[in-house]
Amino acid sequence: MFFSGLAADFMLEGTSQVRTVMVITDHPEAMRTSLMEGLHRGISQWEVQGGYTGAQRTMLYCTIYRSQVQDLKYIISSVDPKAFAVIGVAQRAFEGTTFSRLQ
């Protein structure tokens, strides 16, 4: 069963090990600090406005490894149980210095 799961995962997602995360929260400082310390990842931040409510909130964005998803969920629920999060799949993530080697 384990190998069947791995095979299915590979067929659906390919070799991707990277996840993108958007977290919309009312507690950006605490969330940003907790995510950076807990996951050892950098965070980007934007001020956003809700399309339905018009409320001003903060969106945090980062990339994590697939193995960090459970830690991410725990951190989010601990810091802001009312936060809204979207976890996506990315095929690749790399820093600016890597661009020249990809050509």
C-alpha atoms as a PDB file:
ATOM      1  CA  MET A   1       0.000   0.000   0.000  1.00  0.00           C
ATOM      2  CA  PHE A   2       2.838   2.367   0.857  1.00  0.00           C
ATOM      3  CA  PHE A   3       4.487   1.936  -2.548  1.00  0.00           C
ATOM      4  CA  SER A   4       1.146   2.275  -4.311  1.00  0.00           C
ATOM      5  CA  GLY A   5       0.668   5.596  -2.519  1.00  0.00           C
ATOM      6  CA  LEU A   6       4.115   6.778  -3.554  1.00  0.00           C
ATOM      7  CA  ALA A   7       3.476   5.757  -7.142  1.00  0.00           C
ATOM      8  CA  ALA A   8       0.110   7.539  -7.206  1.00  0.00           C
ATOM      9  CA  ASP A   9       1.660  10.653  -5.665  1.00  0.00           C
ATOM     10  CA  PHE A  10       4.428  10.654  -8.268  1.00  0.00           C
ATOM     11  CA  MET A  11       1.932  10.221 -11.123  1.00  0.00           C
ATOM     12  CA  LEU A  12      -0.242  13.083  -9.872  1.00  0.00           C
ATOM     13  CA  GLU A  13       2.462  15.548  -8.843  1.00  0.00           C
ATOM     14  CA  GLY A  14       5.659  14.472 -10.532  1.00  0.00           C
ATOM     15  CA  THR A  15       8.825  15.052  -8.553  1.00  0.00           C
ATOM     16  CA  SER A  16       7.570  18.186  -6.812  1.00  0.00           C
ATOM     17  CA  GLN A  17       8.633  18.475  -3.194  1.00  0.00           C
ATOM     18  CA  VAL A  18       7.739  22.160  -2.870  1.00  0.00           C
ATOM     19  CA  ARG A  19       4.525  23.750  -1.636  1.00  0.00           C
ATOM     20  CA  THR A  20       3.489  27.383  -1.837  1.00  0.00           C
ATOM     21  CA  VAL A  21       1.567  28.825   1.070  1.00  0.00           C
ATOM     22  CA  MET A  22      -0.642  31.902   1.354  1.00  0.00           C
ATOM     23  CA  VAL A  23      -1.888  32.764   4.823  1.00  0.00           C
ATOM     24  CA  ILE A  24      -4.329  35.607   5.409  1.00  0.00           C
ATOM     25  CA  THR A  25      -4.305  36.631   9.050  1.00  0.00           C
ATOM     26  CA  ASP A  26      -5.206  39.364  11.515  1.00  0.00           C
ATOM     27  CA  HIS A  27      -1.990  38.623  13.448  1.00  0.00           C
ATOM     28  CA  PRO A  28       0.786  39.094  10.867  1.00  0.00           C
ATOM     29  CA  GLU A  29       3.682  39.794  13.230  1.00  0.00           C
ATOM     30  CA  ALA A  30       3.076  36.735  15.409  1.00  0.00           C
ATOM     31  CA  MET A  31       2.344  34.539  12.370  1.00  0.00           C
ATOM     32  CA  ARG A  32       5.396  35.723  10.437  1.00  0.00           C
ATOM     33  CA  THR A  33       7.711  35.176  13.406  1.00  0.00           C
ATOM     34  CA  SER A  34       6.264  31.739  14.185  1.00  0.00           C
ATOM     35  CA  LEU A  35       6.504  30.569  10.571  1.00  0.00           C
ATOM     36  CA  MET A  36      10.071  31.820  10.134  1.00  0.00           C
ATOM     37  CA  GLU A  37      11.237  30.264  13.395  1.00  0.00           C
ATOM     38  CA  GLY A  38       9.228  27.049  13.104  1.00  0.00           C
ATOM     39  CA  LEU A  39       9.869  26.304   9.433  1.00  0.00           C
ATOM     40  CA  HIS A  40      13.150  28.174   8.862  1.00  0.00           C
ATOM     41  CA  ARG A  41      11.744  29.807   5.732  1.00  0.00           C
ATOM     42  CA  GLY A  42      11.560  33.381   4.498  1.00  0.00           C
ATOM     43  CA  ILE A  43       8.202  35.142   4.313  1.00  0.00           C
ATOM     44  CA  SER A  44       6.835  37.782   1.935  1.00  0.00           C
ATOM     45  CA  GLN A  45       4.022  40.018   3.129  1.00  0.00           C
ATOM     46  CA  TRP A  46       1.299  42.098   1.482  1.00  0.00           C
ATOM     47  CA  GLU A  47      -1.540  44.192   2.823  1.00  0.00           C
ATOM     48  CA  VAL A  48      -4.759  42.966   1.176  1.00  0.00           C
ATOM     49  CA  GLN A  49      -8.416  43.938   1.198  1.00  0.00           C
ATOM     50  CA  GLY A  50     -11.225  41.400   1.337  1.00  0.00           C
ATOM     51  CA  GLY A  51     -13.359  41.420  -1.793  1.00  0.00           C
ATOM     52  CA  TYR A  52     -16.554  40.637   0.093  1.00  0.00           C
ATOM     53  CA  THR A  53     -16.092  42.403   3.433  1.00  0.00           C
ATOM     54  CA  GLY A  54     -13.649  45.105   2.420  1.00  0.00           C
ATOM     55  CA  ALA A  55     -11.664  44.324   5.587  1.00  0.00           C
ATOM     56  CA  GLN A  56      -7.952  45.103   5.610  1.00  0.00           C
ATOM     57  CA  ARG A  57      -5.814  42.062   6.400  1.00  0.00           C
ATOM     58  CA  THR A  58      -2.297  40.801   5.793  1.00  0.00           C
ATOM     59  CA  MET A  59      -1.298  38.006   3.443  1.00  0.00           C
ATOM     60  CA  LEU A  60       1.911  36.076   4.098  1.00  0.00           C
ATOM     61  CA  TYR A  61       3.501  33.976   1.361  1.00  0.00           C
ATOM     62  CA  CYS A  62       6.272  31.391   1.499  1.00  0.00           C
ATOM     63  CA  THR A  63       7.469  28.146  -0.006  1.00  0.00           C
ATOM     64  CA  ILE A  64       7.953  25.046   2.111  1.00  0.00           C
ATOM     65  CA  TYR A  65       8.836  21.417   1.593  1.00  0.00           C
ATOM     66  CA  ARG A  66       6.033  18.881   1.430  1.00  0.00           C
ATOM     67  CA  SER A  67       7.299  17.361   4.674  1.00  0.00           C
ATOM     68  CA  GLN A  68       6.662  20.688   6.476  1.00  0.00           C
ATOM     69  CA  VAL A  69       2.919  20.874   5.731  1.00  0.00           C
ATOM     70  CA  GLN A  70       1.827  19.354   9.049  1.00  0.00           C
ATOM     71  CA  ASP A  71       4.122  21.714  10.976  1.00  0.00           C
ATOM     72  CA  LEU A  72       2.672  24.618   8.999  1.00  0.00           C
ATOM     73  CA  LYS A  73      -0.905  23.632   9.880  1.00  0.00           C
ATOM     74  CA  TYR A  74       0.009  23.351  13.552  1.00  0.00           C
ATOM     75  CA  ILE A  75       1.686  26.776  13.594  1.00  0.00           C
ATOM     76  CA  ILE A  76      -1.223  28.474  11.818  1.00  0.00           C
ATOM     77  CA  SER A  77      -3.854  26.964  14.111  1.00  0.00           C
ATOM     78  CA  SER A  78      -1.792  27.854  17.197  1.00  0.00           C
ATOM     79  CA  VAL A  79      -1.207  31.484  16.239  1.00  0.00           C
ATOM     80  CA  ASP A  80      -4.500  32.403  14.541  1.00  0.00           C
ATOM     81  CA  PRO A  81      -7.273  29.778  14.432  1.00  0.00           C
ATOM     82  CA  LYS A  82      -9.316  32.128  12.221  1.00  0.00           C
ATOM     83  CA  ALA A  83      -6.571  32.494   9.592  1.00  0.00           C
ATOM     84  CA  PHE A  84      -7.302  31.482   6.006  1.00  0.00           C
ATOM     85  CA  ALA A  85      -4.587  29.434   4.292  1.00  0.00           C
ATOM     86  CA  VAL A  86      -4.089  28.055   0.799  1.00  0.00           C
ATOM     87  CA  ILE A  87      -1.426  25.441   0.124  1.00  0.00           C
ATOM     88  CA  GLY A  88      -0.444  24.966  -3.509  1.00  0.00           C
ATOM     89  CA  VAL A  89       1.984  22.783  -5.412  1.00  0.00           C
ATOM     90  CA  ALA A  90       5.025  24.217  -7.171  1.00  0.00           C
ATOM     91  CA  GLN A  91       7.239  22.297  -9.542  1.00  0.00           C
ATOM     92  CA  ARG A  92      10.403  24.199  -8.629  1.00  0.00           C
ATOM     93  CA  ALA A  93      11.707  26.864  -6.326  1.00  0.00           C
ATOM     94  CA  PHE A  94      15.108  28.513  -6.614  1.00  0.00           C
ATOM     95  CA  GLU A  95      16.921  31.700  -5.681  1.00  0.00           C
ATOM     96  CA  GLY A  96      18.129  34.424  -8.038  1.00  0.00           C
ATOM     97  CA  THR A  97      21.678  33.082  -8.248  1.00  0.00           C
ATOM     98  CA  THR A  98      20.298  29.872  -9.751  1.00  0.00           C
ATOM     99  CA  PHE A  99      18.746  31.634 -12.765  1.00  0.00           C
ATOM    100  CA  SER A 100      22.031  31.915 -14.661  1.00  0.00           C
ATOM    101  CA  ARG A 101      22.718  28.182 -14.302  1.00  0.00           C
ATOM    102  CA  LEU A 102      19.280  27.235 -15.706  1.00  0.00           C
ATOM    103  CA  GLN A 103      19.854  28.669 -19.156  1.00  0.00           C
END
